[in-house]
N, C-alpha and C. Protein backbone atom coordinates (compact mmCIF):
# COMPACT_ATOMS: atom_id res chain seq x y z
N MET A 1 -14.44 -15.57 -65.72
CA MET A 1 -13.90 -14.44 -65.20
C MET A 1 -15.20 -14.13 -64.09
N LYS A 2 -15.37 -13.53 -63.04
CA LYS A 2 -16.53 -13.25 -62.36
C LYS A 2 -16.36 -11.68 -62.35
N VAL A 3 -18.00 -10.85 -62.63
CA VAL A 3 -17.41 -9.90 -62.83
C VAL A 3 -18.71 -9.09 -61.84
N LEU A 4 -18.63 -7.93 -61.22
CA LEU A 4 -19.22 -7.69 -60.03
C LEU A 4 -19.99 -6.72 -60.75
N ILE A 5 -21.20 -5.88 -61.04
CA ILE A 5 -21.12 -5.02 -61.24
C ILE A 5 -22.68 -4.39 -60.34
N VAL A 6 -22.15 -2.98 -60.13
CA VAL A 6 -22.87 -2.42 -58.81
C VAL A 6 -23.57 -0.99 -58.98
N ASN A 7 -24.53 -0.89 -58.94
CA ASN A 7 -25.22 0.10 -59.31
C ASN A 7 -25.59 0.91 -57.58
N GLY A 8 -25.52 2.20 -58.04
CA GLY A 8 -25.97 3.10 -56.70
C GLY A 8 -27.51 3.53 -56.64
N PRO A 9 -27.55 4.44 -56.01
CA PRO A 9 -29.07 4.96 -55.71
C PRO A 9 -29.63 5.61 -56.90
N ASN A 10 -31.22 4.81 -56.78
CA ASN A 10 -32.35 5.35 -58.15
C ASN A 10 -31.80 4.34 -59.22
N LEU A 11 -30.90 3.22 -59.22
CA LEU A 11 -30.78 2.87 -61.00
C LEU A 11 -31.48 1.92 -60.27
N ASN A 12 -31.93 1.35 -59.19
CA ASN A 12 -33.14 -0.05 -59.57
C ASN A 12 -34.49 0.74 -59.88
N LEU A 13 -34.63 2.01 -60.54
CA LEU A 13 -35.71 2.35 -61.64
C LEU A 13 -35.34 2.89 -62.75
N LEU A 14 -34.53 1.72 -63.16
CA LEU A 14 -33.55 2.26 -64.71
C LEU A 14 -35.06 1.51 -65.47
N GLY A 15 -35.60 1.95 -66.90
CA GLY A 15 -36.75 1.56 -67.00
C GLY A 15 -38.15 2.66 -67.28
N THR A 16 -37.78 3.10 -65.76
CA THR A 16 -38.68 3.82 -65.39
C THR A 16 -38.89 5.61 -65.62
N ARG A 17 -37.25 5.58 -64.83
CA ARG A 17 -37.09 6.55 -63.98
C ARG A 17 -36.32 7.88 -65.57
N GLU A 18 -36.85 8.78 -65.56
CA GLU A 18 -36.22 9.91 -66.73
C GLU A 18 -36.06 8.86 -68.27
N PRO A 19 -36.79 7.95 -68.91
CA PRO A 19 -36.15 7.34 -69.87
C PRO A 19 -35.65 7.97 -71.10
N GLU A 20 -35.90 9.13 -71.47
CA GLU A 20 -35.26 9.94 -72.11
C GLU A 20 -33.66 10.32 -71.72
N ILE A 21 -33.05 9.87 -70.33
CA ILE A 21 -32.29 10.56 -69.76
C ILE A 21 -31.04 8.40 -69.79
N TYR A 22 -32.25 7.76 -68.97
CA TYR A 22 -31.93 6.90 -68.75
C TYR A 22 -31.77 5.78 -69.73
N GLY A 23 -33.41 5.59 -71.19
CA GLY A 23 -33.46 4.88 -71.53
C GLY A 23 -34.51 4.17 -70.93
N ALA A 24 -35.11 3.33 -71.48
CA ALA A 24 -36.47 2.25 -71.21
C ALA A 24 -36.62 1.06 -71.05
N ILE A 25 -35.19 0.39 -70.59
CA ILE A 25 -35.23 -0.94 -70.66
C ILE A 25 -35.03 -1.13 -68.94
N SER A 26 -35.54 -1.71 -68.12
CA SER A 26 -34.25 -2.53 -66.62
C SER A 26 -33.34 -3.11 -66.80
N MET A 27 -33.07 -2.79 -65.50
CA MET A 27 -31.22 -3.29 -65.05
C MET A 27 -31.66 -5.10 -65.62
N GLU A 28 -32.34 -5.77 -65.03
CA GLU A 28 -33.18 -6.51 -65.10
C GLU A 28 -32.86 -7.33 -66.52
N ASP A 29 -33.56 -7.01 -67.45
CA ASP A 29 -33.72 -6.95 -68.68
C ASP A 29 -31.99 -7.45 -69.18
N TYR A 30 -31.46 -5.84 -68.99
CA TYR A 30 -30.53 -5.67 -70.07
C TYR A 30 -29.57 -6.69 -69.38
N LEU A 31 -29.61 -7.26 -68.00
CA LEU A 31 -28.98 -8.03 -67.48
C LEU A 31 -28.94 -9.27 -67.83
N LYS A 32 -30.29 -9.64 -68.86
CA LYS A 32 -30.08 -11.04 -69.06
C LYS A 32 -29.68 -10.84 -70.43
N ASN A 33 -29.39 -9.73 -71.16
CA ASN A 33 -28.92 -9.59 -72.43
C ASN A 33 -27.68 -9.58 -72.15
N LEU A 34 -26.91 -9.13 -71.37
CA LEU A 34 -25.34 -8.82 -70.92
C LEU A 34 -25.02 -10.45 -70.49
N ARG A 35 -25.69 -11.13 -69.83
CA ARG A 35 -25.09 -12.53 -69.69
C ARG A 35 -25.38 -13.68 -71.07
N SER A 36 -25.77 -13.05 -71.75
CA SER A 36 -25.80 -13.99 -72.94
C SER A 36 -25.02 -13.80 -74.20
N GLN A 37 -24.73 -12.49 -74.09
CA GLN A 37 -23.84 -11.84 -74.64
C GLN A 37 -22.00 -12.17 -74.06
N PHE A 38 -21.80 -12.72 -72.73
CA PHE A 38 -21.07 -13.09 -72.37
C PHE A 38 -21.49 -14.36 -71.36
N PRO A 39 -21.43 -15.20 -72.10
CA PRO A 39 -21.63 -16.43 -71.23
C PRO A 39 -20.27 -17.37 -70.23
N SER A 40 -19.40 -16.84 -70.89
CA SER A 40 -18.49 -17.74 -70.36
C SER A 40 -18.25 -16.87 -68.83
N ASP A 41 -18.52 -15.96 -68.82
CA ASP A 41 -17.94 -15.20 -67.48
C ASP A 41 -18.98 -15.39 -67.02
N GLU A 42 -18.94 -14.84 -65.26
CA GLU A 42 -20.25 -14.86 -64.31
C GLU A 42 -20.08 -13.77 -63.63
N LEU A 43 -21.30 -12.93 -64.12
CA LEU A 43 -21.43 -11.73 -63.90
C LEU A 43 -22.67 -11.36 -62.02
N ASP A 44 -21.97 -10.98 -61.60
CA ASP A 44 -23.34 -10.64 -60.34
C ASP A 44 -23.44 -9.35 -60.89
N TYR A 45 -24.96 -9.41 -59.64
CA TYR A 45 -25.59 -7.93 -59.92
C TYR A 45 -25.48 -7.71 -58.35
N TYR A 46 -25.51 -6.15 -58.44
CA TYR A 46 -25.88 -5.90 -56.50
C TYR A 46 -25.92 -4.52 -57.18
N GLN A 47 -27.64 -3.88 -56.51
CA GLN A 47 -27.56 -2.02 -56.65
C GLN A 47 -28.18 -1.92 -55.31
N SER A 48 -27.20 -0.73 -54.54
CA SER A 48 -28.17 -0.05 -53.30
C SER A 48 -28.25 1.40 -53.57
N ASN A 49 -29.19 2.00 -52.56
CA ASN A 49 -29.48 3.27 -52.13
C ASN A 49 -28.56 3.59 -51.12
N ILE A 50 -27.97 2.58 -50.98
CA ILE A 50 -27.37 3.00 -48.80
C ILE A 50 -26.04 2.76 -49.25
N GLU A 51 -25.19 4.06 -49.28
CA GLU A 51 -23.68 4.24 -49.04
C GLU A 51 -22.56 2.96 -48.83
N GLY A 52 -23.15 2.86 -47.69
CA GLY A 52 -22.52 1.96 -46.60
C GLY A 52 -22.20 0.80 -47.29
N GLU A 53 -23.62 0.09 -47.58
CA GLU A 53 -23.89 -1.25 -48.20
C GLU A 53 -23.21 -1.47 -49.42
N ILE A 54 -23.38 -0.14 -50.40
CA ILE A 54 -22.21 -0.54 -51.58
C ILE A 54 -20.78 -0.95 -51.08
N ILE A 55 -20.10 -0.19 -50.34
CA ILE A 55 -19.10 -0.28 -49.46
C ILE A 55 -19.05 -1.84 -49.02
N ASN A 56 -19.67 -2.16 -48.29
CA ASN A 56 -19.57 -3.46 -47.32
C ASN A 56 -19.89 -4.34 -48.50
N ARG A 57 -20.34 -4.08 -49.70
CA ARG A 57 -20.66 -5.40 -50.72
C ARG A 57 -19.36 -5.55 -51.63
N LEU A 58 -18.67 -4.44 -51.81
CA LEU A 58 -17.91 -4.19 -52.16
C LEU A 58 -16.12 -4.57 -51.74
N GLN A 59 -16.48 -4.71 -50.46
CA GLN A 59 -15.50 -5.19 -49.35
C GLN A 59 -15.50 -6.65 -49.15
N GLN A 60 -16.64 -7.42 -50.01
CA GLN A 60 -16.43 -8.84 -49.72
C GLN A 60 -15.32 -9.42 -50.32
N ASP A 61 -14.92 -8.79 -51.89
CA ASP A 61 -13.80 -8.76 -52.68
C ASP A 61 -13.71 -10.54 -53.17
N ASP A 62 -14.87 -10.55 -53.38
CA ASP A 62 -15.16 -12.11 -53.93
C ASP A 62 -15.20 -12.18 -55.98
N PHE A 63 -14.91 -11.15 -56.83
CA PHE A 63 -15.14 -11.34 -57.40
C PHE A 63 -13.27 -10.79 -58.64
N ASP A 64 -13.13 -10.80 -60.02
CA ASP A 64 -11.83 -10.66 -60.26
C ASP A 64 -12.36 -9.40 -61.25
N ALA A 65 -12.96 -8.60 -60.95
CA ALA A 65 -13.10 -7.44 -61.87
C ALA A 65 -14.59 -6.87 -61.50
N LEU A 66 -14.32 -5.21 -61.77
CA LEU A 66 -15.89 -4.65 -61.15
C LEU A 66 -16.29 -3.64 -61.94
N VAL A 67 -17.27 -3.52 -62.59
CA VAL A 67 -18.00 -2.06 -63.07
C VAL A 67 -18.54 -1.78 -61.99
N ILE A 68 -19.08 -0.24 -61.80
CA ILE A 68 -19.77 0.71 -61.28
C ILE A 68 -19.78 1.72 -61.87
N ASN A 69 -21.46 1.92 -61.34
CA ASN A 69 -21.99 2.82 -61.93
C ASN A 69 -22.30 3.68 -60.21
N PRO A 70 -21.69 4.71 -59.59
CA PRO A 70 -22.23 5.15 -58.20
C PRO A 70 -23.47 5.65 -58.46
N GLY A 71 -23.76 6.25 -59.59
CA GLY A 71 -25.29 7.52 -59.42
C GLY A 71 -24.59 8.31 -58.91
N ALA A 72 -25.61 8.68 -58.12
CA ALA A 72 -25.38 10.04 -57.34
C ALA A 72 -24.01 10.41 -56.32
N PHE A 73 -23.46 9.18 -55.83
CA PHE A 73 -22.73 9.25 -55.29
C PHE A 73 -21.43 9.11 -55.57
N THR A 74 -21.36 9.06 -57.03
CA THR A 74 -20.21 10.05 -57.85
C THR A 74 -20.00 10.91 -57.52
N HIS A 75 -20.70 11.97 -56.66
CA HIS A 75 -20.08 13.24 -56.90
C HIS A 75 -19.83 13.34 -55.73
N TYR A 76 -19.81 13.16 -55.05
CA TYR A 76 -19.63 14.02 -53.43
C TYR A 76 -19.22 12.34 -52.06
N SER A 77 -19.11 11.01 -52.76
CA SER A 77 -18.42 9.97 -51.77
C SER A 77 -17.37 9.52 -51.60
N TYR A 78 -16.77 9.94 -50.62
CA TYR A 78 -15.11 10.03 -50.92
C TYR A 78 -14.92 8.31 -49.85
N ALA A 79 -15.84 8.17 -49.28
CA ALA A 79 -15.75 6.88 -49.20
C ALA A 79 -15.86 5.87 -50.15
N ILE A 80 -16.85 5.95 -50.64
CA ILE A 80 -17.01 4.81 -51.50
C ILE A 80 -15.00 4.86 -52.62
N ALA A 81 -15.01 6.58 -53.10
CA ALA A 81 -13.79 6.42 -53.93
C ALA A 81 -12.87 6.18 -52.77
N ASP A 82 -12.60 5.69 -50.88
CA ASP A 82 -11.92 5.54 -50.42
C ASP A 82 -11.60 3.86 -50.84
N CYS A 83 -12.60 3.49 -50.68
CA CYS A 83 -12.66 1.92 -50.87
C CYS A 83 -12.34 1.53 -52.12
N LEU A 84 -12.77 2.09 -53.50
CA LEU A 84 -12.12 1.88 -54.54
C LEU A 84 -10.63 1.61 -54.75
N LYS A 85 -10.30 2.34 -53.85
CA LYS A 85 -9.05 2.57 -53.99
C LYS A 85 -8.00 1.63 -53.47
N ASN A 86 -8.59 0.67 -52.34
CA ASN A 86 -8.48 -0.04 -52.27
C ASN A 86 -8.44 -1.58 -53.05
N ILE A 87 -9.10 -1.84 -54.13
CA ILE A 87 -9.77 -2.73 -54.40
C ILE A 87 -8.59 -2.83 -55.96
N GLY A 88 -7.52 -4.09 -55.51
CA GLY A 88 -6.55 -4.07 -56.37
C GLY A 88 -6.80 -4.93 -57.96
N LYS A 89 -7.70 -4.20 -58.22
CA LYS A 89 -8.24 -5.81 -59.77
C LYS A 89 -8.85 -4.53 -60.31
N PRO A 90 -9.04 -5.03 -62.14
CA PRO A 90 -9.68 -3.91 -62.67
C PRO A 90 -10.76 -3.53 -62.77
N LYS A 91 -11.16 -2.12 -62.47
CA LYS A 91 -12.70 -1.42 -62.08
C LYS A 91 -12.81 -0.37 -63.08
N VAL A 92 -14.35 -0.30 -63.80
CA VAL A 92 -14.48 0.39 -64.78
C VAL A 92 -15.62 1.22 -64.20
N GLU A 93 -15.68 2.51 -64.06
CA GLU A 93 -16.68 3.73 -63.76
C GLU A 93 -17.46 3.77 -65.08
N VAL A 94 -19.07 3.62 -65.05
CA VAL A 94 -19.73 3.98 -65.91
C VAL A 94 -21.01 4.59 -65.37
N HIS A 95 -21.54 5.54 -66.61
CA HIS A 95 -22.51 6.55 -66.28
C HIS A 95 -23.61 6.27 -67.50
N ILE A 96 -24.47 6.45 -67.92
CA ILE A 96 -25.69 6.05 -68.51
C ILE A 96 -25.35 7.42 -70.11
N SER A 97 -25.81 8.64 -68.74
CA SER A 97 -25.69 9.72 -69.55
C SER A 97 -24.09 10.49 -69.36
N ASN A 98 -24.03 11.08 -70.30
CA ASN A 98 -22.90 11.98 -70.69
C ASN A 98 -23.23 12.44 -69.23
N ILE A 99 -22.23 12.63 -68.27
CA ILE A 99 -22.54 13.80 -67.27
C ILE A 99 -21.38 14.37 -67.80
N TYR A 100 -20.76 14.76 -68.64
CA TYR A 100 -20.34 16.13 -68.60
C TYR A 100 -21.43 17.03 -69.83
N LYS A 101 -22.18 16.93 -70.11
CA LYS A 101 -23.43 17.64 -70.24
C LYS A 101 -24.67 17.63 -69.94
N ARG A 102 -24.52 17.38 -68.15
CA ARG A 102 -25.38 17.65 -67.66
C ARG A 102 -25.73 19.00 -66.50
N GLU A 103 -25.84 19.09 -65.27
CA GLU A 103 -26.11 20.03 -64.35
C GLU A 103 -24.12 20.31 -63.94
N GLU A 104 -23.74 20.90 -63.42
CA GLU A 104 -22.50 21.28 -63.51
C GLU A 104 -22.30 20.14 -62.18
N PHE A 105 -22.69 20.07 -61.17
CA PHE A 105 -22.53 19.25 -59.82
C PHE A 105 -21.94 17.87 -60.30
N ARG A 106 -22.69 17.36 -61.39
CA ARG A 106 -22.74 15.94 -61.86
C ARG A 106 -21.81 15.67 -62.57
N GLN A 107 -20.92 16.95 -63.22
CA GLN A 107 -19.90 16.98 -63.84
C GLN A 107 -18.24 16.88 -63.10
N LYS A 108 -18.30 16.47 -62.51
CA LYS A 108 -17.22 15.97 -61.37
C LYS A 108 -17.37 14.73 -60.78
N SER A 109 -16.65 13.38 -60.84
CA SER A 109 -16.39 12.60 -60.29
C SER A 109 -15.14 12.41 -59.45
N VAL A 110 -15.28 12.13 -58.43
CA VAL A 110 -14.95 11.43 -56.89
C VAL A 110 -14.13 10.61 -57.06
N THR A 111 -15.23 9.81 -57.34
CA THR A 111 -14.93 8.04 -58.09
C THR A 111 -13.13 7.73 -58.96
N ALA A 112 -14.04 8.13 -60.09
CA ALA A 112 -13.17 7.91 -61.02
C ALA A 112 -11.94 8.21 -61.22
N ALA A 113 -10.93 9.04 -60.37
CA ALA A 113 -9.63 8.39 -60.56
C ALA A 113 -9.42 7.32 -59.38
N ASN A 114 -10.39 6.70 -59.12
CA ASN A 114 -9.78 5.58 -58.37
C ASN A 114 -10.14 3.87 -59.09
N THR A 115 -10.76 4.04 -60.26
CA THR A 115 -11.19 3.25 -61.20
C THR A 115 -10.04 3.32 -62.68
N ASP A 116 -9.71 2.55 -63.78
CA ASP A 116 -9.36 2.15 -64.54
C ASP A 116 -9.44 3.08 -65.72
N ALA A 117 -10.90 2.38 -65.42
CA ALA A 117 -11.52 3.81 -66.91
C ALA A 117 -12.70 4.47 -66.37
N VAL A 118 -13.23 4.84 -67.38
CA VAL A 118 -14.51 5.54 -67.46
C VAL A 118 -15.67 5.61 -68.46
N LEU A 119 -16.56 5.47 -68.34
CA LEU A 119 -17.28 5.55 -69.57
C LEU A 119 -18.21 6.24 -69.90
N SER A 120 -19.08 7.23 -70.28
CA SER A 120 -20.05 8.26 -70.12
C SER A 120 -20.80 8.88 -71.65
N GLY A 121 -21.78 8.86 -71.42
CA GLY A 121 -22.78 9.09 -72.46
C GLY A 121 -23.45 7.59 -73.54
N PHE A 122 -23.11 6.12 -72.97
CA PHE A 122 -23.44 5.36 -74.40
C PHE A 122 -24.37 4.79 -74.07
N GLY A 123 -25.62 5.70 -73.06
CA GLY A 123 -26.47 5.27 -72.53
C GLY A 123 -25.81 3.36 -72.05
N MET A 124 -27.07 2.64 -71.81
CA MET A 124 -26.79 0.57 -71.05
C MET A 124 -26.00 0.77 -71.61
N ASP A 125 -25.39 0.71 -73.07
CA ASP A 125 -24.26 0.03 -73.52
C ASP A 125 -22.82 0.54 -72.79
N GLY A 126 -22.53 1.36 -72.17
CA GLY A 126 -21.73 1.54 -71.26
C GLY A 126 -21.48 0.30 -70.47
N TYR A 127 -22.53 -0.42 -70.03
CA TYR A 127 -21.92 -1.51 -69.16
C TYR A 127 -21.27 -2.53 -70.12
N ARG A 128 -21.76 -3.05 -71.19
CA ARG A 128 -21.28 -4.13 -72.30
C ARG A 128 -19.99 -3.19 -72.82
N LEU A 129 -19.89 -2.21 -72.97
CA LEU A 129 -18.58 -1.72 -73.08
C LEU A 129 -17.71 -1.56 -72.12
N ALA A 130 -17.77 -1.98 -70.88
CA ALA A 130 -17.03 -2.16 -69.91
C ALA A 130 -16.70 -3.21 -69.73
N LEU A 131 -17.62 -4.22 -69.41
CA LEU A 131 -17.08 -6.08 -69.41
C LEU A 131 -16.65 -6.35 -70.69
N PHE A 132 -16.65 -5.73 -71.77
CA PHE A 132 -15.68 -6.41 -73.05
C PHE A 132 -14.56 -5.25 -72.57
N SER A 133 -13.88 -4.59 -72.06
CA SER A 133 -12.46 -4.35 -71.94
C SER A 133 -12.42 -4.89 -70.71
N LEU A 134 -13.08 -5.18 -69.57
CA LEU A 134 -12.98 -5.91 -68.84
C LEU A 134 -12.02 -7.86 -68.76
N VAL A 135 -13.05 -8.01 -70.35
CA VAL A 135 -13.01 -9.47 -70.23
C VAL A 135 -11.69 -9.92 -71.10
N SER A 136 -11.53 -8.70 -72.09
CA SER A 136 -10.84 -8.91 -73.52
C SER A 136 -9.46 -8.81 -72.67
N ALA A 137 -9.16 -7.97 -71.52
CA ALA A 137 -7.78 -7.79 -71.38
C ALA A 137 -7.47 -8.38 -71.04
């Protein structure tokens, strides 16, 4: 199965950005771990700080399932929400931190209604749990 993992703004800084919230491991290092745990699946990774670039990548439609952490776009990007609504493939939204324990504006996801599941607060392990749910289905 080909799974696309998409990260939104500022998640290129994982490993150095607020490690008390997001952990101390980079996404590149974590991807190595994921690829070793899911050797029979193709994991494609994409990160952008630009909303339109994320939408363009999602619209390429060259994957079987999606794991997405929209980052701050979670809370206000109706454009990404609309894009997700039009993807008829399994989709899981992931948040490293528990968004419900954070600032009030972070407690609402406009994108979640257009995914099949949401994982929040499991740290980087949320990506692994999302992949497990997708490839085991």
